[in-house]
Amino acid sequence: MSSLRIPATLRHETSENKASRKYTPGVASEQLPGRQPTGTGRQNTAPVPAPRRRGRLPAPLPGRLEPVHAAYAAALAQATMSVETRRTYASKVRQYLAWLDTADVAGDPLTDADSRDRAVRAWRNHLLTVAEQAPATVNTALAAVDDFYTRRGLGQAAAERTRRPTTAPRTLDRRALLRWLRAVEALPSTRDRALASIPFYAGARIAETIRLDTGDVHISARKPALRIHGNRDRLREIPLHPRLRTYIQQWLAERPRWPGADVRPALFINRRGERLTVRGARDVIARAAQAAGLSEVTADVLRSTFAATLARGGTDPVVLADLLGNSGLDTTRRYTKPAADDPAKALHLLPVNR
């Protein structure tokens, strides 16, 4: 990972001056060195991670902080990470800088390590208590800020990650799952039926689903499989469930009639002939959930239901870890932990004197 260094004049500043200077909202340190955006058009060398999702405006930054974020975006453009990770990190760091502009933090969090630590810990508490974000979301934000400070040459902040709940991830019970499957089957679009089925029948994440190309689908009588591009470019092959195979075959038969199908390798495209975005995929799942009368059904819930169903069916943990694309068994074991209401159900097994 490349390291972006702060200017020499700031590096030689004395510790006494740093401690006595209070961070002034709206006034940032000199921008990071690095390639800057040229114009507003999107080019191959532009340091902008990825187009922001439609309907959401980026967090506003004062003029002095915009160059800081632009320099970080330039560094991300050269980083070896997925497009989704670049987009997420750029967004989280922008939110952090926007919060920093209004925060009351002694020193300069952009150049001083002690001030950095205080600021990041305060921001973590803000995300948990004020923004009421989930632990996983907060940890992602902290990872983005760590990456930001590392590229500035300041190193990671001394801020502990938020512990996740010890119970299993949320899943659909059998009745809700059957309602979901019926709603998916009733979707009018063959594309939507195939897309909405992949998180449950293949255990894929939402980003992995939209990352699929037509060449990743192997439909054969002997060994039908789906090749999934996971985190950090890890590849795994998932056997195609018969129902998912049917849905994908139906979509592949219709896909050539969509705009851009002859020039785009993406398995899932939109009506403009572009690769479907994460936002677009989430909208498809949300529509199916609404039709099923279910709330808060996401690709993560469907992936967790896939994992929990296999785990409770006796699937070997090593096999399950491979199917999920997990790097270790610790993550996979979450799906064998009790759900929040399991202890209460267990007590009903105790007999009473009638």
Protein backbone atom coordinates (compact mmCIF):
# COMPACT_ATOMS: atom_id res chain seq x y z
CA MET A 1 0.00 0.00 0.00
CA SER A 2 1.38 3.35 -0.97
CA SER A 3 1.83 5.93 1.74
CA LEU A 4 0.93 9.57 1.28
CA ARG A 5 3.16 11.76 3.44
CA ILE A 6 2.29 15.07 5.01
CA PRO A 7 4.37 18.12 4.02
CA ALA A 8 7.77 18.45 5.66
CA THR A 9 6.83 21.74 7.31
CA LEU A 10 4.08 19.95 9.21
CA ARG A 11 6.18 16.89 10.05
CA HIS A 12 8.80 19.06 11.79
CA GLU A 13 6.27 20.90 13.90
CA THR A 14 7.07 20.51 17.58
CA SER A 15 4.97 18.37 19.88
CA GLU A 16 4.33 21.37 22.10
CA ASN A 17 2.84 23.37 19.25
CA LYS A 18 0.67 20.42 18.21
CA ALA A 19 -0.73 19.92 21.68
CA SER A 20 -1.55 23.58 22.12
CA ARG A 21 -3.23 24.05 18.77
CA LYS A 22 -6.95 23.34 18.69
CA TYR A 23 -8.50 21.94 15.52
CA THR A 24 -10.48 24.72 13.89
CA PRO A 25 -13.58 23.57 12.03
CA GLY A 26 -13.37 24.40 8.36
CA VAL A 27 -9.57 24.76 8.32
CA ALA A 28 -7.70 21.61 7.29
CA SER A 29 -4.04 20.86 6.92
CA GLU A 30 -2.45 21.07 3.51
CA GLN A 31 -3.96 18.66 1.05
CA LEU A 32 -2.32 15.33 0.44
CA PRO A 33 0.08 15.15 -2.47
CA GLY A 34 -1.06 13.06 -5.37
CA ARG A 35 -2.86 13.13 -8.66
CA GLN A 36 -5.88 15.43 -8.67
CA PRO A 37 -9.10 15.20 -10.65
CA THR A 38 -9.04 16.96 -13.99
CA GLY A 39 -12.42 18.20 -15.09
CA THR A 40 -15.76 16.69 -14.34
CA GLY A 41 -15.77 13.99 -16.99
CA ARG A 42 -15.09 10.41 -15.97
CA GLN A 43 -11.82 9.15 -17.46
CA ASN A 44 -9.76 6.01 -16.98
CA THR A 45 -7.23 7.93 -14.88
CA ALA A 46 -9.71 9.94 -12.83
CA PRO A 47 -9.15 9.57 -9.09
CA VAL A 48 -12.83 9.24 -8.33
CA PRO A 49 -13.68 5.78 -6.94
CA ALA A 50 -17.06 5.16 -8.55
CA PRO A 51 -20.26 7.05 -9.37
CA ARG A 52 -22.27 7.75 -6.26
CA ARG A 53 -25.63 6.16 -5.94
CA ARG A 54 -28.48 8.10 -7.43
CA GLY A 55 -30.71 9.89 -4.98
CA ARG A 56 -28.06 10.46 -2.32
CA LEU A 57 -25.97 13.60 -2.16
CA PRO A 58 -22.43 13.40 -0.74
CA ALA A 59 -21.81 14.91 2.67
CA PRO A 60 -20.99 18.63 2.17
CA LEU A 61 -17.42 19.65 2.99
CA PRO A 62 -15.92 23.13 3.47
CA GLY A 63 -13.56 24.28 0.76
CA ARG A 64 -10.42 23.55 2.75
CA LEU A 65 -11.42 19.92 3.32
CA GLU A 66 -12.45 19.15 -0.25
CA PRO A 67 -8.79 18.86 -1.42
CA VAL A 68 -8.07 16.47 1.45
CA HIS A 69 -10.86 14.18 0.31
CA ALA A 70 -9.93 14.57 -3.35
CA ALA A 71 -6.36 13.53 -2.58
CA TYR A 72 -7.63 10.45 -0.74
CA ALA A 73 -9.85 9.60 -3.72
CA ALA A 74 -6.75 9.84 -5.92
CA ALA A 75 -4.95 7.36 -3.68
CA LEU A 76 -7.94 4.99 -3.73
CA ALA A 77 -7.91 5.01 -7.53
CA GLN A 78 -4.47 3.37 -7.37
CA ALA A 79 -5.35 0.90 -4.60
CA THR A 80 -5.86 -2.82 -5.15
CA MET A 81 -9.43 -3.20 -3.95
CA SER A 82 -12.85 -3.71 -5.45
CA VAL A 83 -14.94 -0.87 -6.87
CA GLU A 84 -17.46 -1.37 -4.08
CA THR A 85 -14.77 -1.01 -1.42
CA ARG A 86 -13.41 2.16 -3.04
CA ARG A 87 -16.88 3.66 -3.13
CA THR A 88 -17.58 2.72 0.48
CA TYR A 89 -14.25 4.00 1.80
CA ALA A 90 -14.54 7.29 -0.07
CA SER A 91 -18.06 7.81 1.27
CA LYS A 92 -17.18 6.95 4.87
CA VAL A 93 -14.10 9.17 4.89
CA ARG A 94 -16.13 12.03 3.46
CA GLN A 95 -18.67 11.57 6.27
CA TYR A 96 -15.85 11.55 8.80
CA LEU A 97 -14.36 14.78 7.44
CA ALA A 98 -17.80 16.42 7.44
CA TRP A 99 -18.26 15.43 11.09
CA LEU A 100 -14.72 16.57 11.89
CA ASP A 101 -15.54 20.04 10.60
CA THR A 102 -18.04 20.47 13.44
CA ALA A 103 -16.25 18.47 16.15
CA ASP A 104 -14.58 19.98 19.19
CA VAL A 105 -11.25 18.14 19.17
CA ALA A 106 -8.02 19.55 20.62
CA GLY A 107 -5.12 19.72 18.17
CA ASP A 108 -5.27 18.86 14.47
CA PRO A 109 -6.63 15.34 13.85
CA LEU A 110 -5.23 15.40 10.30
CA THR A 111 -1.59 15.73 11.36
CA ASP A 112 -1.30 14.81 15.05
CA ALA A 113 -1.53 11.18 16.18
CA ASP A 114 -2.97 11.88 19.63
CA SER A 115 -5.58 14.22 18.24
CA ARG A 116 -6.35 11.65 15.52
CA ASP A 117 -7.02 8.98 18.16
CA ARG A 118 -9.32 11.24 20.17
CA ALA A 119 -11.22 12.27 17.05
CA VAL A 120 -11.73 8.74 15.74
CA ARG A 121 -12.89 7.45 19.13
CA ALA A 122 -15.33 10.36 19.40
CA TRP A 123 -16.59 9.66 15.89
CA ARG A 124 -17.09 5.98 16.72
CA ASN A 125 -19.20 6.98 19.73
CA HIS A 126 -21.15 9.43 17.56
CA LEU A 127 -21.97 6.68 15.04
CA LEU A 128 -23.13 4.33 17.79
CA THR A 129 -25.10 6.71 20.01
CA VAL A 130 -26.26 9.56 17.79
CA ALA A 131 -26.45 7.99 14.34
CA GLU A 132 -27.47 4.64 15.91
CA GLN A 133 -25.61 2.64 13.31
CA ALA A 134 -25.13 -1.12 13.54
CA PRO A 135 -21.80 -2.43 14.85
CA ALA A 136 -20.87 -3.85 11.44
CA THR A 137 -21.50 -0.47 9.79
CA VAL A 138 -19.43 1.32 12.43
CA ASN A 139 -16.56 -1.12 11.97
CA THR A 140 -16.62 -0.54 8.22
CA ALA A 141 -16.43 3.20 8.83
CA LEU A 142 -13.46 2.72 11.18
CA ALA A 143 -11.69 0.56 8.59
CA ALA A 144 -12.15 3.33 6.01
CA VAL A 145 -10.73 5.97 8.35
CA ASP A 146 -7.78 3.70 9.18
CA ASP A 147 -7.09 3.40 5.46
CA PHE A 148 -7.34 7.18 5.11
CA TYR A 149 -4.84 7.86 7.89
CA THR A 150 -2.49 5.13 6.71
CA ARG A 151 -2.31 6.73 3.28
CA ARG A 152 -1.58 10.06 4.96
CA GLY A 153 1.42 8.44 6.62
CA LEU A 154 -0.04 8.85 10.10
CA GLY A 155 -0.99 5.21 10.68
CA GLN A 156 -4.14 3.64 12.05
CA ALA A 157 -6.02 5.24 14.91
CA ALA A 158 -6.06 3.70 18.38
CA ALA A 159 -9.80 3.03 18.38
CA GLU A 160 -11.25 -0.36 19.21
CA ARG A 161 -13.70 -1.99 16.87
CA THR A 162 -17.28 -2.39 18.03
CA ARG A 163 -18.15 -5.88 19.17
CA ARG A 164 -20.84 -7.61 17.19
CA PRO A 165 -23.74 -9.43 18.86
CA THR A 166 -22.91 -12.95 19.93
CA THR A 167 -26.16 -14.39 18.60
CA ALA A 168 -26.52 -15.72 15.10
CA PRO A 169 -27.25 -13.32 12.22
CA ARG A 170 -30.91 -12.68 11.50
CA THR A 171 -32.52 -15.27 9.25
CA LEU A 172 -35.95 -16.06 7.87
CA ASP A 173 -37.97 -18.77 9.57
CA ARG A 174 -39.57 -21.45 7.44
CA ARG A 175 -42.92 -19.70 6.99
CA ALA A 176 -41.31 -16.39 6.04
CA LEU A 177 -38.91 -18.16 3.70
CA LEU A 178 -41.75 -19.90 1.86
CA ARG A 179 -43.53 -16.55 1.48
CA TRP A 180 -40.32 -15.07 0.09
CA LEU A 181 -39.81 -17.90 -2.41
CA ARG A 182 -43.41 -17.59 -3.62
CA ALA A 183 -42.98 -13.84 -4.07
CA VAL A 184 -39.79 -14.36 -6.08
CA GLU A 185 -41.48 -16.91 -8.30
CA ALA A 186 -44.26 -14.39 -8.98
CA LEU A 187 -41.90 -11.59 -10.08
CA PRO A 188 -42.71 -10.65 -13.70
CA SER A 189 -39.07 -10.14 -14.72
CA THR A 190 -36.86 -13.15 -15.41
CA ARG A 191 -33.85 -10.99 -14.50
CA ASP A 192 -35.32 -10.14 -11.13
CA ARG A 193 -36.22 -13.76 -10.36
CA ALA A 194 -32.66 -14.88 -11.06
CA LEU A 195 -31.05 -12.01 -9.17
CA ALA A 196 -33.26 -12.27 -6.08
CA SER A 197 -32.61 -16.02 -5.84
CA ILE A 198 -28.80 -15.93 -5.86
CA PRO A 199 -28.23 -14.75 -2.24
CA PHE A 200 -30.38 -17.61 -0.93
CA TYR A 201 -29.63 -20.44 -3.37
CA ALA A 202 -25.90 -19.60 -3.77
CA GLY A 203 -25.09 -17.74 -0.54
CA ALA A 204 -23.68 -14.77 -2.46
CA ARG A 205 -23.27 -11.26 -1.12
CA ILE A 206 -25.02 -8.42 -2.93
CA ALA A 207 -21.73 -7.09 -4.36
CA GLU A 208 -20.78 -10.58 -5.52
CA THR A 209 -24.13 -10.96 -7.24
CA ILE A 210 -23.81 -7.85 -9.39
CA ARG A 211 -20.15 -8.69 -10.10
CA LEU A 212 -21.17 -11.83 -11.98
CA ASP A 213 -20.52 -12.01 -15.72
CA THR A 214 -22.24 -14.30 -18.20
CA GLY A 215 -19.02 -16.31 -18.39
CA ASP A 216 -19.33 -17.11 -14.69
CA VAL A 217 -22.41 -19.23 -15.32
CA HIS A 218 -21.71 -22.86 -16.24
CA ILE A 219 -24.91 -24.62 -17.16
CA SER A 220 -24.20 -28.20 -18.10
CA ALA A 221 -25.91 -31.49 -17.45
CA ARG A 222 -22.84 -32.85 -15.66
CA LYS A 223 -21.73 -30.08 -13.30
CA PRO A 224 -23.73 -26.82 -13.38
CA ALA A 225 -22.03 -24.18 -11.25
CA LEU A 226 -21.77 -20.48 -10.54
CA ARG A 227 -18.30 -18.93 -10.32
CA ILE A 228 -18.37 -16.17 -7.71
CA HIS A 229 -15.75 -13.44 -7.39
CA GLY A 230 -15.47 -12.85 -3.66
CA ASN A 231 -13.61 -10.37 -1.51
CA ARG A 232 -9.97 -9.76 -2.40
CA ASP A 233 -10.53 -11.48 -5.76
CA ARG A 234 -11.09 -14.89 -4.16
CA LEU A 235 -12.90 -17.24 -6.52
CA ARG A 236 -15.26 -19.99 -5.52
CA GLU A 237 -17.60 -22.27 -7.45
CA ILE A 238 -21.08 -22.92 -6.12
CA PRO A 239 -23.10 -25.82 -7.51
CA LEU A 240 -26.25 -24.51 -9.17
CA HIS A 241 -29.40 -25.37 -7.27
CA PRO A 242 -32.01 -26.70 -9.76
CA ARG A 243 -34.42 -23.83 -9.09
CA LEU A 244 -31.67 -21.21 -9.49
CA ARG A 245 -30.49 -22.92 -12.65
CA THR A 246 -33.99 -22.64 -14.11
CA TYR A 247 -34.25 -18.95 -13.24
CA ILE A 248 -30.84 -18.15 -14.74
CA GLN A 249 -31.62 -20.09 -17.91
CA GLN A 250 -34.84 -18.14 -18.33
CA TRP A 251 -32.98 -14.86 -17.86
CA LEU A 252 -30.18 -15.81 -20.27
CA ALA A 253 -32.83 -16.59 -22.89
CA GLU A 254 -34.35 -13.11 -22.48
CA ARG A 255 -31.14 -11.15 -21.88
CA PRO A 256 -30.15 -10.76 -25.60
CA ARG A 257 -33.23 -8.58 -26.11
CA TRP A 258 -32.02 -6.02 -23.53
CA PRO A 259 -29.98 -2.96 -24.53
CA GLY A 260 -26.24 -3.47 -24.26
CA ALA A 261 -26.48 -7.25 -23.93
CA ASP A 262 -24.18 -7.78 -26.92
CA VAL A 263 -21.40 -5.54 -25.56
CA ARG A 264 -21.65 -5.95 -21.78
CA PRO A 265 -20.28 -9.08 -20.07
CA ALA A 266 -22.33 -8.36 -16.93
CA LEU A 267 -24.84 -11.07 -16.12
CA PHE A 268 -27.30 -8.53 -14.72
CA ILE A 269 -27.82 -5.32 -16.68
CA ASN A 270 -30.34 -2.51 -16.40
CA ARG A 271 -32.60 -1.02 -19.03
CA ARG A 272 -29.82 1.37 -20.09
CA GLY A 273 -27.55 -1.52 -20.93
CA GLU A 274 -25.24 -0.95 -17.95
CA ARG A 275 -24.17 -3.34 -15.24
CA LEU A 276 -26.76 -3.34 -12.47
CA THR A 277 -25.60 -1.42 -9.40
CA VAL A 278 -25.79 -2.47 -5.76
CA ARG A 279 -28.62 0.02 -5.33
CA GLY A 280 -30.51 -1.49 -8.25
CA ALA A 281 -30.06 -5.02 -6.91
CA ARG A 282 -31.25 -3.97 -3.46
CA ASP A 283 -34.34 -2.42 -5.02
CA VAL A 284 -35.17 -5.74 -6.71
CA ILE A 285 -34.94 -7.60 -3.40
CA ALA A 286 -36.95 -4.90 -1.65
CA ARG A 287 -39.76 -5.22 -4.19
CA ALA A 288 -39.91 -8.97 -3.69
CA ALA A 289 -39.93 -8.50 0.09
CA GLN A 290 -42.78 -6.01 -0.17
CA ALA A 291 -44.75 -8.42 -2.33
CA ALA A 292 -44.19 -11.13 0.29
CA GLY A 293 -45.33 -8.83 3.09
CA LEU A 294 -41.95 -9.09 4.79
CA SER A 295 -39.95 -6.23 6.26
CA GLU A 296 -36.19 -5.83 6.37
CA VAL A 297 -35.35 -8.65 3.98
CA THR A 298 -31.93 -7.99 2.50
CA ALA A 299 -29.32 -9.97 0.62
CA ASP A 300 -27.46 -10.39 3.93
CA VAL A 301 -30.54 -11.92 5.55
CA LEU A 302 -30.97 -14.28 2.60
CA ARG A 303 -27.28 -15.26 2.67
CA SER A 304 -27.54 -15.88 6.42
CA THR A 305 -30.64 -18.01 5.84
CA PHE A 306 -28.70 -20.02 3.25
CA ALA A 307 -25.87 -20.57 5.75
CA ALA A 308 -28.10 -21.35 8.73
CA THR A 309 -30.20 -23.80 6.72
CA LEU A 310 -27.12 -25.75 5.64
CA ALA A 311 -25.52 -25.57 9.11
CA ARG A 312 -28.63 -26.87 10.85
CA GLY A 313 -28.89 -29.58 8.21
CA GLY A 314 -25.52 -30.95 9.27
CA THR A 315 -23.27 -29.51 6.54
CA ASP A 316 -19.60 -29.82 7.45
CA PRO A 317 -18.31 -26.41 8.68
CA VAL A 318 -15.35 -26.57 6.28
CA VAL A 319 -17.67 -27.14 3.32
CA LEU A 320 -19.95 -24.34 4.50
CA ALA A 321 -17.00 -21.96 4.85
CA ASP A 322 -15.98 -22.74 1.27
CA LEU A 323 -19.51 -22.16 -0.02
CA LEU A 324 -19.71 -18.81 1.79
CA GLY A 325 -16.23 -17.70 0.77
CA ASN A 326 -15.18 -17.19 4.39
CA SER A 327 -11.46 -17.16 5.10
CA GLY A 328 -11.83 -19.03 8.40
CA LEU A 329 -14.22 -21.10 10.45
CA ASP A 330 -14.80 -18.46 13.13
CA THR A 331 -17.05 -16.43 10.85
CA THR A 332 -18.92 -19.53 9.72
CA ARG A 333 -19.60 -20.62 13.31
CA ARG A 334 -21.85 -17.60 13.76
CA TYR A 335 -24.56 -19.50 11.89
CA THR A 336 -24.54 -22.31 14.45
CA LYS A 337 -24.96 -19.96 17.41
CA PRO A 338 -28.39 -19.68 18.99
CA ALA A 339 -30.81 -17.07 17.77
CA ALA A 340 -32.09 -14.50 20.24
CA ASP A 341 -35.30 -16.40 20.98
CA ASP A 342 -33.74 -19.89 21.19
CA PRO A 343 -33.21 -19.79 25.01
CA ALA A 344 -36.89 -19.00 25.56
CA LYS A 345 -37.92 -21.84 23.24
CA ALA A 346 -35.57 -24.19 25.09
CA LEU A 347 -37.32 -23.53 28.42
CA HIS A 348 -40.61 -24.73 26.97
CA LEU A 349 -39.06 -28.20 26.75
CA LEU A 350 -39.08 -28.46 30.56
CA PRO A 351 -41.97 -30.59 31.86
CA VAL A 352 -44.55 -29.45 34.40
CA ASN A 353 -46.66 -31.43 36.85
CA ARG A 354 -50.15 -31.56 35.44
